PDB file of N, CA and C in Angstrom:
ATOM      1  N   GLN A   1      69.591 267.846  86.891  1.00  0.00           N
ATOM      2  CA  GLN A   1      68.794 267.507  88.056  1.00  0.00           C
ATOM      3  C   GLN A   1      68.106 266.168  87.825  1.00  0.00           C
ATOM      4  N   VAL A   2      68.101 265.345  88.849  1.00  0.00           N
ATOM      5  CA  VAL A   2      67.494 264.019  88.775  1.00  0.00           C
ATOM      6  C   VAL A   2      66.285 263.969  89.687  1.00  0.00           C
ATOM      7  N   GLN A   3      65.210 263.414  89.195  1.00  0.00           N
ATOM      8  CA  GLN A   3      64.033 263.164  90.026  1.00  0.00           C
ATOM      9  C   GLN A   3      63.798 261.660  90.093  1.00  0.00           C
ATOM     10  N   LEU A   4      63.489 261.188  91.295  1.00  0.00           N
ATOM     11  CA  LEU A   4      63.212 259.781  91.529  1.00  0.00           C
ATOM     12  C   LEU A   4      61.793 259.646  92.057  1.00  0.00           C
ATOM     13  N   VAL A   5      61.043 258.755  91.457  1.00  0.00           N
ATOM     14  CA  VAL A   5      59.649 258.553  91.862  1.00  0.00           C
ATOM     15  C   VAL A   5      59.433 257.078  92.185  1.00  0.00           C
ATOM     16  N   GLU A   6      59.137 256.819  93.473  1.00  0.00           N
ATOM     17  CA  GLU A   6      58.894 255.453  93.925  1.00  0.00           C
ATOM     18  C   GLU A   6      57.417 255.108  93.827  1.00  0.00           C
ATOM     19  N   SER A   7      57.143 253.838  93.702  1.00  0.00           N
ATOM     20  CA  SER A   7      55.773 253.340  93.728  1.00  0.00           C
ATOM     21  C   SER A   7      55.799 251.883  94.165  1.00  0.00           C
ATOM     22  N   GLY A   8      54.609 251.369  94.508  1.00  0.00           N
ATOM     23  CA  GLY A   8      54.496 249.957  94.839  1.00  0.00           C
ATOM     24  C   GLY A   8      54.316 249.635  96.300  1.00  0.00           C
ATOM     25  N   GLY A   9      54.410 250.638  97.163  1.00  0.00           N
ATOM     26  CA  GLY A   9      54.202 250.369  98.573  1.00  0.00           C
ATOM     27  C   GLY A   9      52.742 250.083  98.878  1.00  0.00           C
ATOM     28  N   GLY A  10      52.497 249.686 100.115  1.00  0.00           N
ATOM     29  CA  GLY A  10      51.131 249.398 100.522  1.00  0.00           C
ATOM     30  C   GLY A  10      51.077 248.580 101.784  1.00  0.00           C
ATOM     31  N   LEU A  11      49.902 248.037 102.038  1.00  0.00           N
ATOM     32  CA  LEU A  11      49.648 247.211 103.214  1.00  0.00           C
ATOM     33  C   LEU A  11      49.581 245.746 102.783  1.00  0.00           C
ATOM     34  N   VAL A  12      50.323 244.905 103.480  1.00  0.00           N
ATOM     35  CA  VAL A  12      50.357 243.484 103.141  1.00  0.00           C
ATOM     36  C   VAL A  12      50.448 242.680 104.429  1.00  0.00           C
ATOM     37  N   GLN A  13      49.934 241.476 104.397  1.00  0.00           N
ATOM     38  CA  GLN A  13      50.025 240.606 105.570  1.00  0.00           C
ATOM     39  C   GLN A  13      51.413 239.970 105.639  1.00  0.00           C
ATOM     40  N   ALA A  14      51.799 239.610 106.836  1.00  0.00           N
ATOM     41  CA  ALA A  14      53.077 238.920 107.020  1.00  0.00           C
ATOM     42  C   ALA A  14      53.128 237.677 106.145  1.00  0.00           C
ATOM     43  N   GLY A  15      54.282 237.479 105.516  1.00  0.00           N
ATOM     44  CA  GLY A  15      54.456 236.380 104.590  1.00  0.00           C
ATOM     45  C   GLY A  15      54.165 236.742 103.152  1.00  0.00           C
ATOM     46  N   GLY A  16      53.590 237.909 102.943  1.00  0.00           N
ATOM     47  CA  GLY A  16      53.242 238.353 101.605  1.00  0.00           C
ATOM     48  C   GLY A  16      54.406 238.993 100.870  1.00  0.00           C
ATOM     49  N   SER A  17      54.100 239.521  99.686  1.00  0.00           N
ATOM     50  CA  SER A  17      55.122 240.102  98.817  1.00  0.00           C
ATOM     51  C   SER A  17      54.675 241.460  98.292  1.00  0.00           C
ATOM     52  N   LEU A  18      55.657 242.278  98.006  1.00  0.00           N
ATOM     53  CA  LEU A  18      55.456 243.553  97.327  1.00  0.00           C
ATOM     54  C   LEU A  18      56.633 243.789  96.401  1.00  0.00           C
ATOM     55  N   ARG A  19      56.392 244.538  95.334  1.00  0.00           N
ATOM     56  CA  ARG A  19      57.499 244.965  94.479  1.00  0.00           C
ATOM     57  C   ARG A  19      57.482 246.485  94.377  1.00  0.00           C
ATOM     58  N   LEU A  20      58.575 247.086  94.810  1.00  0.00           N
ATOM     59  CA  LEU A  20      58.741 248.527  94.712  1.00  0.00           C
ATOM     60  C   LEU A  20      59.444 248.864  93.403  1.00  0.00           C
ATOM     61  N   SER A  21      59.069 250.007  92.838  1.00  0.00           N
ATOM     62  CA  SER A  21      59.713 250.509  91.635  1.00  0.00           C
ATOM     63  C   SER A  21      60.162 251.942  91.871  1.00  0.00           C
ATOM     64  N   CYS A  22      61.214 252.327  91.206  1.00  0.00           N
ATOM     65  CA  CYS A  22      61.715 253.696  91.281  1.00  0.00           C
ATOM     66  C   CYS A  22      62.178 254.099  89.887  1.00  0.00           C
ATOM     67  N   VAL A  23      61.523 255.114  89.347  1.00  0.00           N
ATOM     68  CA  VAL A  23      61.864 255.613  88.023  1.00  0.00           C
ATOM     69  C   VAL A  23      62.654 256.908  88.161  1.00  0.00           C
ATOM     70  N   ALA A  24      63.756 256.982  87.443  1.00  0.00           N
ATOM     71  CA  ALA A  24      64.621 258.150  87.493  1.00  0.00           C
ATOM     72  C   ALA A  24      64.533 258.956  86.209  1.00  0.00           C
ATOM     73  N   SER A  25      64.548 260.272  86.359  1.00  0.00           N
ATOM     74  CA  SER A  25      64.636 261.141  85.195  1.00  0.00           C
ATOM     75  C   SER A  25      66.104 261.397  84.884  1.00  0.00           C
ATOM     76  N   GLY A  26      66.371 261.975  83.740  1.00  0.00           N
ATOM     77  CA  GLY A  26      67.736 262.338  83.413  1.00  0.00           C
ATOM     78  C   GLY A  26      68.510 261.232  82.732  1.00  0.00           C
ATOM     79  N   SER A  27      69.788 261.484  82.530  1.00  0.00           N
ATOM     80  CA  SER A  27      70.608 260.607  81.708  1.00  0.00           C
ATOM     81  C   SER A  27      71.729 259.894  82.458  1.00  0.00           C
ATOM     82  N   ILE A  28      71.764 260.028  83.774  1.00  0.00           N
ATOM     83  CA  ILE A  28      72.893 259.452  84.506  1.00  0.00           C
ATOM     84  C   ILE A  28      72.548 258.155  85.213  1.00  0.00           C
ATOM     85  N   PHE A  29      71.310 257.692  85.069  1.00  0.00           N
ATOM     86  CA  PHE A  29      70.869 256.506  85.813  1.00  0.00           C
ATOM     87  C   PHE A  29      71.785 255.319  85.573  1.00  0.00           C
ATOM     88  N   SER A  30      72.029 254.999  84.309  1.00  0.00           N
ATOM     89  CA  SER A  30      72.761 253.771  83.993  1.00  0.00           C
ATOM     90  C   SER A  30      74.211 253.815  84.463  1.00  0.00           C
ATOM     91  N   LEU A  31      74.720 254.994  84.743  1.00  0.00           N
ATOM     92  CA  LEU A  31      76.123 255.144  85.114  1.00  0.00           C
ATOM     93  C   LEU A  31      76.354 255.093  86.628  1.00  0.00           C
ATOM     94  N   ASN A  32      75.265 254.992  87.386  1.00  0.00           N
ATOM     95  CA  ASN A  32      75.375 255.109  88.829  1.00  0.00           C
ATOM     96  C   ASN A  32      74.744 253.945  89.582  1.00  0.00           C
ATOM     97  N   ALA A  33      75.293 253.705  90.762  1.00  0.00           N
ATOM     98  CA  ALA A  33      74.678 252.737  91.656  1.00  0.00           C
ATOM     99  C   ALA A  33      73.339 253.274  92.146  1.00  0.00           C
ATOM    100  N   MET A  34      72.451 252.342  92.460  1.00  0.00           N
ATOM    101  CA  MET A  34      71.148 252.685  93.010  1.00  0.00           C
ATOM    102  C   MET A  34      70.946 251.917  94.306  1.00  0.00           C
ATOM    103  N   GLY A  35      70.249 252.552  95.220  1.00  0.00           N
ATOM    104  CA  GLY A  35      70.007 251.897  96.490  1.00  0.00           C
ATOM    105  C   GLY A  35      68.577 252.069  96.968  1.00  0.00           C
ATOM    106  N   TRP A  36      68.139 251.097  97.753  1.00  0.00           N
ATOM    107  CA  TRP A  36      66.877 251.202  98.485  1.00  0.00           C
ATOM    108  C   TRP A  36      67.216 251.301  99.975  1.00  0.00           C
ATOM    109  N   TYR A  37      66.638 252.282 100.624  1.00  0.00           N
ATOM    110  CA  TYR A  37      66.821 252.500 102.051  1.00  0.00           C
ATOM    111  C   TYR A  37      65.443 252.464 102.708  1.00  0.00           C
ATOM    112  N   ARG A  38      65.431 252.289 104.018  1.00  0.00           N
ATOM    113  CA  ARG A  38      64.152 252.355 104.724  1.00  0.00           C
ATOM    114  C   ARG A  38      64.340 253.027 106.067  1.00  0.00           C
ATOM    115  N   GLN A  39      63.248 253.637 106.511  1.00  0.00           N
ATOM    116  CA  GLN A  39      63.267 254.337 107.791  1.00  0.00           C
ATOM    117  C   GLN A  39      61.952 254.086 108.505  1.00  0.00           C
ATOM    118  N   ALA A  40      62.052 253.455 109.653  1.00  0.00           N
ATOM    119  CA  ALA A  40      60.899 253.238 110.506  1.00  0.00           C
ATOM    120  C   ALA A  40      60.784 254.397 111.491  1.00  0.00           C
ATOM    121  N   PRO A  41      59.607 254.642 112.056  1.00  0.00           N
ATOM    122  CA  PRO A  41      59.429 255.758 112.995  1.00  0.00           C
ATOM    123  C   PRO A  41      60.414 255.683 114.156  1.00  0.00           C
ATOM    124  N   GLY A  42      61.079 256.798 114.400  1.00  0.00           N
ATOM    125  CA  GLY A  42      62.011 256.869 115.510  1.00  0.00           C
ATOM    126  C   GLY A  42      63.348 256.202 115.265  1.00  0.00           C
ATOM    127  N   LYS A  43      63.571 255.720 114.053  1.00  0.00           N
ATOM    128  CA  LYS A  43      64.830 255.037 113.748  1.00  0.00           C
ATOM    129  C   LYS A  43      65.555 255.750 112.617  1.00  0.00           C
ATOM    130  N   GLN A  44      66.827 255.427 112.455  1.00  0.00           N
ATOM    131  CA  GLN A  44      67.599 256.034 111.392  1.00  0.00           C
ATOM    132  C   GLN A  44      67.278 255.371 110.063  1.00  0.00           C
ATOM    133  N   ARG A  45      67.654 256.053 109.002  1.00  0.00           N
ATOM    134  CA  ARG A  45      67.466 255.510 107.663  1.00  0.00           C
ATOM    135  C   ARG A  45      68.622 254.554 107.358  1.00  0.00           C
ATOM    136  N   ASP A  46      68.284 253.345 106.996  1.00  0.00           N
ATOM    137  CA  ASP A  46      69.293 252.306 106.774  1.00  0.00           C
ATOM    138  C   ASP A  46      69.241 251.780 105.345  1.00  0.00           C
ATOM    139  N   LEU A  47      70.392 251.352 104.865  1.00  0.00           N
ATOM    140  CA  LEU A  47      70.484 250.725 103.553  1.00  0.00           C
ATOM    141  C   LEU A  47      69.856 249.341 103.598  1.00  0.00           C
ATOM    142  N   VAL A  48      68.992 249.065 102.629  1.00  0.00           N
ATOM    143  CA  VAL A  48      68.363 247.752 102.510  1.00  0.00           C
ATOM    144  C   VAL A  48      69.073 246.936 101.433  1.00  0.00           C
ATOM    145  N   ALA A  49      69.271 247.557 100.278  1.00  0.00           N
ATOM    146  CA  ALA A  49      69.906 246.865  99.156  1.00  0.00           C
ATOM    147  C   ALA A  49      70.501 247.895  98.212  1.00  0.00           C
ATOM    148  N   ARG A  50      71.552 247.464  97.520  1.00  0.00           N
ATOM    149  CA  ARG A  50      72.244 248.357  96.601  1.00  0.00           C
ATOM    150  C   ARG A  50      72.642 247.561  95.370  1.00  0.00           C
ATOM    151  N   ILE A  51      72.594 248.220  94.229  1.00  0.00           N
ATOM    152  CA  ILE A  51      73.025 247.586  92.986  1.00  0.00           C
ATOM    153  C   ILE A  51      73.929 248.565  92.251  1.00  0.00           C
ATOM    154  N   SER A  52      75.101 248.081  91.863  1.00  0.00           N
ATOM    155  CA  SER A  52      76.050 248.940  91.166  1.00  0.00           C
ATOM    156  C   SER A  52      75.612 249.147  89.720  1.00  0.00           C
ATOM    157  N   SER A  53      76.321 250.023  89.026  1.00  0.00           N
ATOM    158  CA  SER A  53      76.012 250.275  87.615  1.00  0.00           C
ATOM    159  C   SER A  53      76.225 249.017  86.778  1.00  0.00           C
ATOM    160  N   ARG A  54      77.054 248.114  87.275  1.00  0.00           N
ATOM    161  CA  ARG A  54      77.315 246.881  86.536  1.00  0.00           C
ATOM    162  C   ARG A  54      76.468 245.710  87.011  1.00  0.00           C
ATOM    163  N   GLY A  55      75.634 245.950  88.032  1.00  0.00           N
ATOM    164  CA  GLY A  55      74.718 244.905  88.469  1.00  0.00           C
ATOM    165  C   GLY A  55      75.137 244.142  89.701  1.00  0.00           C
ATOM    166  N   THR A  56      76.247 244.516  90.314  1.00  0.00           N
ATOM    167  CA  THR A  56      76.650 243.869  91.571  1.00  0.00           C
ATOM    168  C   THR A  56      75.709 244.307  92.693  1.00  0.00           C
ATOM    169  N   THR A  57      75.270 243.357  93.472  1.00  0.00           N
ATOM    170  CA  THR A  57      74.281 243.660  94.509  1.00  0.00           C
ATOM    171  C   THR A  57      74.817 243.430  95.914  1.00  0.00           C
ATOM    172  N   ASN A  58      74.282 244.195  96.856  1.00  0.00           N
ATOM    173  CA  ASN A  58      74.568 244.038  98.278  1.00  0.00           C
ATOM    174  C   ASN A  58      73.267 244.157  99.044  1.00  0.00           C
ATOM    175  N   TYR A  59      73.168 243.409 100.144  1.00  0.00           N
ATOM    176  CA  TYR A  59      71.945 243.421 100.940  1.00  0.00           C
ATOM    177  C   TYR A  59      72.261 243.541 102.422  1.00  0.00           C
ATOM    178  N   ALA A  60      71.347 244.174 103.124  1.00  0.00           N
ATOM    179  CA  ALA A  60      71.424 244.134 104.580  1.00  0.00           C
ATOM    180  C   ALA A  60      71.171 242.697 105.039  1.00  0.00           C
ATOM    181  N   ASP A  61      71.813 242.311 106.118  1.00  0.00           N
ATOM    182  CA  ASP A  61      71.662 240.941 106.605  1.00  0.00           C
ATOM    183  C   ASP A  61      70.200 240.596 106.876  1.00  0.00           C
ATOM    184  N   SER A  62      69.445 241.565 107.328  1.00  0.00           N
ATOM    185  CA  SER A  62      68.061 241.319 107.723  1.00  0.00           C
ATOM    186  C   SER A  62      67.143 240.965 106.556  1.00  0.00           C
ATOM    187  N   VAL A  63      67.577 241.233 105.325  1.00  0.00           N
ATOM    188  CA  VAL A  63      66.708 240.980 104.162  1.00  0.00           C
ATOM    189  C   VAL A  63      67.301 239.957 103.193  1.00  0.00           C
ATOM    190  N   LYS A  64      68.503 239.493 103.468  1.00  0.00           N
ATOM    191  CA  LYS A  64      69.131 238.517 102.571  1.00  0.00           C
ATOM    192  C   LYS A  64      68.259 237.282 102.424  1.00  0.00           C
ATOM    193  N   GLY A  65      68.093 236.857 101.174  1.00  0.00           N
ATOM    194  CA  GLY A  65      67.283 235.676 100.904  1.00  0.00           C
ATOM    195  C   GLY A  65      65.802 235.976 100.746  1.00  0.00           C
ATOM    196  N   ARG A  66      65.397 237.184 101.102  1.00  0.00           N
ATOM    197  CA  ARG A  66      63.968 237.558 100.992  1.00  0.00           C
ATOM    198  C   ARG A  66      63.741 238.677  99.971  1.00  0.00           C
ATOM    199  N   PHE A  67      64.690 239.611  99.876  1.00  0.00           N
ATOM    200  CA  PHE A  67      64.554 240.756  98.983  1.00  0.00           C
ATOM    201  C   PHE A  67      65.526 240.612  97.815  1.00  0.00           C
ATOM    202  N   THR A  68      65.108 241.137  96.664  1.00  0.00           N
ATOM    203  CA  THR A  68      65.969 241.140  95.477  1.00  0.00           C
ATOM    204  C   THR A  68      65.905 242.503  94.807  1.00  0.00           C
ATOM    205  N   ILE A  69      67.065 243.111  94.618  1.00  0.00           N
ATOM    206  CA  ILE A  69      67.144 244.380  93.905  1.00  0.00           C
ATOM    207  C   ILE A  69      67.566 244.097  92.466  1.00  0.00           C
ATOM    208  N   SER A  70      66.976 244.845  91.538  1.00  0.00           N
ATOM    209  CA  SER A  70      67.329 244.696  90.127  1.00  0.00           C
ATOM    210  C   SER A  70      67.146 246.048  89.449  1.00  0.00           C
ATOM    211  N   ARG A  71      67.678 246.143  88.242  1.00  0.00           N
ATOM    212  CA  ARG A  71      67.563 247.403  87.514  1.00  0.00           C
ATOM    213  C   ARG A  71      67.341 247.130  86.047  1.00  0.00           C
ATOM    214  N   ASP A  72      66.647 248.064  85.394  1.00  0.00           N
ATOM    215  CA  ASP A  72      66.428 248.032  83.950  1.00  0.00           C
ATOM    216  C   ASP A  72      66.893 249.383  83.421  1.00  0.00           C
ATOM    217  N   ASN A  73      68.099 249.422  82.901  1.00  0.00           N
ATOM    218  CA  ASN A  73      68.664 250.696  82.458  1.00  0.00           C
ATOM    219  C   ASN A  73      67.905 251.280  81.268  1.00  0.00           C
ATOM    220  N   ALA A  74      67.290 250.445  80.463  1.00  0.00           N
ATOM    221  CA  ALA A  74      66.517 250.951  79.320  1.00  0.00           C
ATOM    222  C   ALA A  74      65.289 251.728  79.782  1.00  0.00           C
ATOM    223  N   LYS A  75      64.816 251.397  80.997  1.00  0.00           N
ATOM    224  CA  LYS A  75      63.630 252.071  81.539  1.00  0.00           C
ATOM    225  C   LYS A  75      63.980 253.025  82.680  1.00  0.00           C
ATOM    226  N   ASN A  76      65.278 253.201  82.943  1.00  0.00           N
ATOM    227  CA  ASN A  76      65.699 254.071  84.056  1.00  0.00           C
ATOM    228  C   ASN A  76      64.979 253.698  85.349  1.00  0.00           C
ATOM    229  N   THR A  77      64.874 252.417  85.603  1.00  0.00           N
ATOM    230  CA  THR A  77      64.081 251.935  86.731  1.00  0.00           C
ATOM    231  C   THR A  77      64.860 250.927  87.559  1.00  0.00           C
ATOM    232  N   VAL A  78      64.713 251.057  88.872  1.00  0.00           N
ATOM    233  CA  VAL A  78      65.260 250.073  89.809  1.00  0.00           C
ATOM    234  C   VAL A  78      64.093 249.478  90.585  1.00  0.00           C
ATOM    235  N   TYR A  79      64.198 248.198  90.875  1.00  0.00           N
ATOM    236  CA  TYR A  79      63.125 247.476  91.546  1.00  0.00           C
ATOM    237  C   TYR A  79      63.620 246.878  92.866  1.00  0.00           C
ATOM    238  N   LEU A  80      62.683 246.659  93.754  1.00  0.00           N
ATOM    239  CA  LEU A  80      62.968 245.895  94.965  1.00  0.00           C
ATOM    240  C   LEU A  80      61.830 244.901  95.147  1.00  0.00           C
ATOM    241  N   GLN A  81      62.120 243.641  94.884  1.00  0.00           N
ATOM    242  CA  GLN A  81      61.152 242.580  95.106  1.00  0.00           C
ATOM    243  C   GLN A  81      61.285 242.116  96.547  1.00  0.00           C
ATOM    244  N   MET A  82      60.198 242.197  97.292  1.00  0.00           N
ATOM    245  CA  MET A  82      60.215 241.862  98.708  1.00  0.00           C
ATOM    246  C   MET A  82      59.284 240.679  98.947  1.00  0.00           C
ATOM    247  N   ASN A  83      59.851 239.575  99.377  1.00  0.00           N
ATOM    248  CA  ASN A  83      59.083 238.363  99.661  1.00  0.00           C
ATOM    249  C   ASN A  83      59.182 238.024 101.144  1.00  0.00           C
ATOM    250  N   SER A  84      58.288 237.172 101.589  1.00  0.00           N
ATOM    251  CA  SER A  84      58.277 236.722 102.989  1.00  0.00           C
ATOM    252  C   SER A  84      58.360 237.907 103.945  1.00  0.00           C
ATOM    253  N   LEU A  85      57.538 238.881 103.703  1.00  0.00           N
ATOM    254  CA  LEU A  85      57.598 240.112 104.493  1.00  0.00           C
ATOM    255  C   LEU A  85      57.234 239.862 105.950  1.00  0.00           C
ATOM    256  N   LYS A  86      57.887 240.635 106.813  1.00  0.00           N
ATOM    257  CA  LYS A  86      57.684 240.546 108.251  1.00  0.00           C
ATOM    258  C   LYS A  86      57.216 241.901 108.779  1.00  0.00           C
ATOM    259  N   PRO A  87      56.545 241.916 109.911  1.00  0.00           N
ATOM    260  CA  PRO A  87      56.124 243.211 110.476  1.00  0.00           C
ATOM    261  C   PRO A  87      57.291 244.175 110.674  1.00  0.00           C
ATOM    262  N   GLU A  88      58.463 243.654 110.978  1.00  0.00           N
ATOM    263  CA  GLU A  88      59.619 244.534 111.187  1.00  0.00           C
ATOM    264  C   GLU A  88      60.146 245.132 109.888  1.00  0.00           C
ATOM    265  N   ASP A  89      59.614 244.724 108.742  1.00  0.00           N
ATOM    266  CA  ASP A  89      59.962 245.354 107.474  1.00  0.00           C
ATOM    267  C   ASP A  89      59.157 246.633 107.237  1.00  0.00           C
ATOM    268  N   SER A  90      58.189 246.902 108.084  1.00  0.00           N
ATOM    269  CA  SER A  90      57.362 248.099 107.926  1.00  0.00           C
ATOM    270  C   SER A  90      58.217 249.356 108.073  1.00  0.00           C
ATOM    271  N   ALA A  91      58.106 250.243 107.107  1.00  0.00           N
ATOM    272  CA  ALA A  91      58.909 251.469 107.089  1.00  0.00           C
ATOM    273  C   ALA A  91      58.543 252.269 105.848  1.00  0.00           C
ATOM    274  N   VAL A  92      59.086 253.469 105.777  1.00  0.00           N
ATOM    275  CA  VAL A  92      59.062 254.213 104.525  1.00  0.00           C
ATOM    276  C   VAL A  92      60.314 253.813 103.750  1.00  0.00           C
ATOM    277  N   TYR A  93      60.119 253.402 102.519  1.00  0.00           N
ATOM    278  CA  TYR A  93      61.225 252.960 101.669  1.00  0.00           C
ATOM    279  C   TYR A  93      61.574 254.066 100.682  1.00  0.00           C
ATOM    280  N   TYR A  94      62.867 254.365 100.610  1.00  0.00           N
ATOM    281  CA  TYR A  94      63.369 255.433  99.763  1.00  0.00           C
ATOM    282  C   TYR A  94      64.327 254.884  98.717  1.00  0.00           C
ATOM    283  N   CYS A  95      64.225 255.435  97.542  1.00  0.00           N
ATOM    284  CA  CYS A  95      65.141 255.130  96.451  1.00  0.00           C
ATOM    285  C   CYS A  95      66.239 256.190  96.444  1.00  0.00           C
ATOM    286  N   ASN A  96      67.454 255.790  96.166  1.00  0.00           N
ATOM    287  CA  ASN A  96      68.582 256.717  96.135  1.00  0.00           C
ATOM    288  C   ASN A  96      69.449 256.461  94.921  1.00  0.00           C
ATOM    289  N   LEU A  97      69.822 257.519  94.241  1.00  0.00           N
ATOM    290  CA  LEU A  97      70.790 257.419  93.150  1.00  0.00           C
ATOM    291  C   LEU A  97      72.147 257.841  93.686  1.00  0.00           C
ATOM    292  N   GLY A  98      73.082 256.953  93.548  1.00  0.00           N
ATOM    293  CA  GLY A  98      74.428 257.192  94.078  1.00  0.00           C
ATOM    294  C   GLY A  98      74.775 256.132  95.099  1.00  0.00           C
ATOM    295  N   ALA A  99      73.870 255.916  96.053  1.00  0.00           N
ATOM    296  CA  ALA A  99      74.022 254.859  97.052  1.00  0.00           C
ATOM    297  C   ALA A  99      75.392 254.878  97.723  1.00  0.00           C
ATOM    298  N   GLY A 100      75.937 256.075  97.900  1.00  0.00           N
ATOM    299  CA  GLY A 100      77.214 256.192  98.577  1.00  0.00           C
ATOM    300  C   GLY A 100      78.406 255.768  97.752  1.00  0.00           C
ATOM    301  N   MET A 101      78.181 255.548  96.453  1.00  0.00           N
ATOM    302  CA  MET A 101      79.254 255.069  95.601  1.00  0.00           C
ATOM    303  C   MET A 101      79.665 256.063  94.532  1.00  0.00           C
ATOM    304  N   SER A 102      79.086 257.263  94.573  1.00  0.00           N
ATOM    305  CA  SER A 102      79.442 258.269  93.577  1.00  0.00           C
ATOM    306  C   SER A 102      79.274 259.649  94.175  1.00  0.00           C
ATOM    307  N   GLN A 103      79.525 260.653  93.375  1.00  0.00           N
ATOM    308  CA  GLN A 103      79.363 262.039  93.804  1.00  0.00           C
ATOM    309  C   GLN A 103      77.900 262.431  93.924  1.00  0.00           C
ATOM    310  N   TYR A 104      76.992 261.602  93.384  1.00  0.00           N
ATOM    311  CA  TYR A 104      75.587 261.957  93.356  1.00  0.00           C
ATOM    312  C   TYR A 104      74.860 261.380  94.573  1.00  0.00           C
ATOM    313  N   ASP A 105      73.843 262.115  94.993  1.00  0.00           N
ATOM    314  CA  ASP A 105      73.062 261.705  96.164  1.00  0.00           C
ATOM    315  C   ASP A 105      71.654 262.265  96.010  1.00  0.00           C
ATOM    316  N   TYR A 106      70.844 261.581  95.207  1.00  0.00           N
ATOM    317  CA  TYR A 106      69.482 262.013  94.977  1.00  0.00           C
ATOM    318  C   TYR A 106      68.520 261.032  95.640  1.00  0.00           C
ATOM    319  N   TRP A 107      67.423 261.594  96.194  1.00  0.00           N
ATOM    320  CA  TRP A 107      66.449 260.787  96.934  1.00  0.00           C
ATOM    321  C   TRP A 107      65.063 260.940  96.345  1.00  0.00           C
ATOM    322  N   GLY A 108      64.307 259.872  96.409  1.00  0.00           N
ATOM    323  CA  GLY A 108      62.899 259.936  96.094  1.00  0.00           C
ATOM    324  C   GLY A 108      62.099 260.400  97.299  1.00  0.00           C
ATOM    325  N   GLN A 109      60.797 260.479  97.128  1.00  0.00           N
ATOM    326  CA  GLN A 109      59.934 260.993  98.188  1.00  0.00           C
ATOM    327  C   GLN A 109      59.552 259.907  99.194  1.00  0.00           C
ATOM    328  N   GLY A 110      59.788 258.662  98.853  1.00  0.00           N
ATOM    329  CA  GLY A 110      59.489 257.559  99.752  1.00  0.00           C
ATOM    330  C   GLY A 110      58.134 256.936  99.488  1.00  0.00           C
ATOM    331  N   THR A 111      58.035 255.659  99.813  1.00  0.00           N
ATOM    332  CA  THR A 111      56.770 254.940  99.704  1.00  0.00           C
ATOM    333  C   THR A 111      56.590 254.080 100.954  1.00  0.00           C
ATOM    334  N   GLN A 112      55.408 254.115 101.516  1.00  0.00           N
ATOM    335  CA  GLN A 112      55.151 253.429 102.780  1.00  0.00           C
ATOM    336  C   GLN A 112      54.886 251.944 102.546  1.00  0.00           C
ATOM    337  N   VAL A 113      55.550 251.129 103.336  1.00  0.00           N
ATOM    338  CA  VAL A 113      55.291 249.689 103.361  1.00  0.00           C
ATOM    339  C   VAL A 113      54.862 249.322 104.774  1.00  0.00           C
ATOM    340  N   THR A 114      53.705 248.706 104.888  1.00  0.00           N
ATOM    341  CA  THR A 114      53.197 248.280 106.184  1.00  0.00           C
ATOM    342  C   THR A 114      52.874 246.793 106.123  1.00  0.00           C
ATOM    343  N   VAL A 115      53.469 246.049 107.033  1.00  0.00           N
ATOM    344  CA  VAL A 115      53.263 244.600 107.091  1.00  0.00           C
ATOM    345  C   VAL A 115      52.521 244.276 108.376  1.00  0.00           C
ATOM    346  N   SER A 116      51.345 243.727 108.226  1.00  0.00           N
ATOM    347  CA  SER A 116      50.528 243.399 109.403  1.00  0.00           C
ATOM    348  C   SER A 116      50.794 241.957 109.848  1.00  0.00           C
ATOM    349  N   SER A 117      50.685 241.755 111.143  1.00  0.00           N
ATOM    350  CA  SER A 117      50.949 240.409 111.702  1.00  0.00           C
ATOM    351  C   SER A 117      49.688 239.571 111.759  1.00  0.00           C
TER     352      SER A 117
END
């Protein structure tokens, strides 16, 4: 069983930055892709960024050039550095192990990000 715990969310003004972290328990972290997703009220949960076990990254068009996903396998941790934040980035951000690239599909509890204008 894998547990994912996100942290780093909060309230920030437009143009500001936040860094989200997600720590995974267990021994399969380094072998699997990790993803960050977000869900705003009344909207579906969408992929924001994904990083493969080998470090290949993918981003949603809306965050390219502003967000950076990275991972530290020694710490079982994946990060999402968010710069130049916009009000439309406000959502609950979820960490996922598997990211649609493996048999695994584990989710964290989510962390709220609110960007004020």
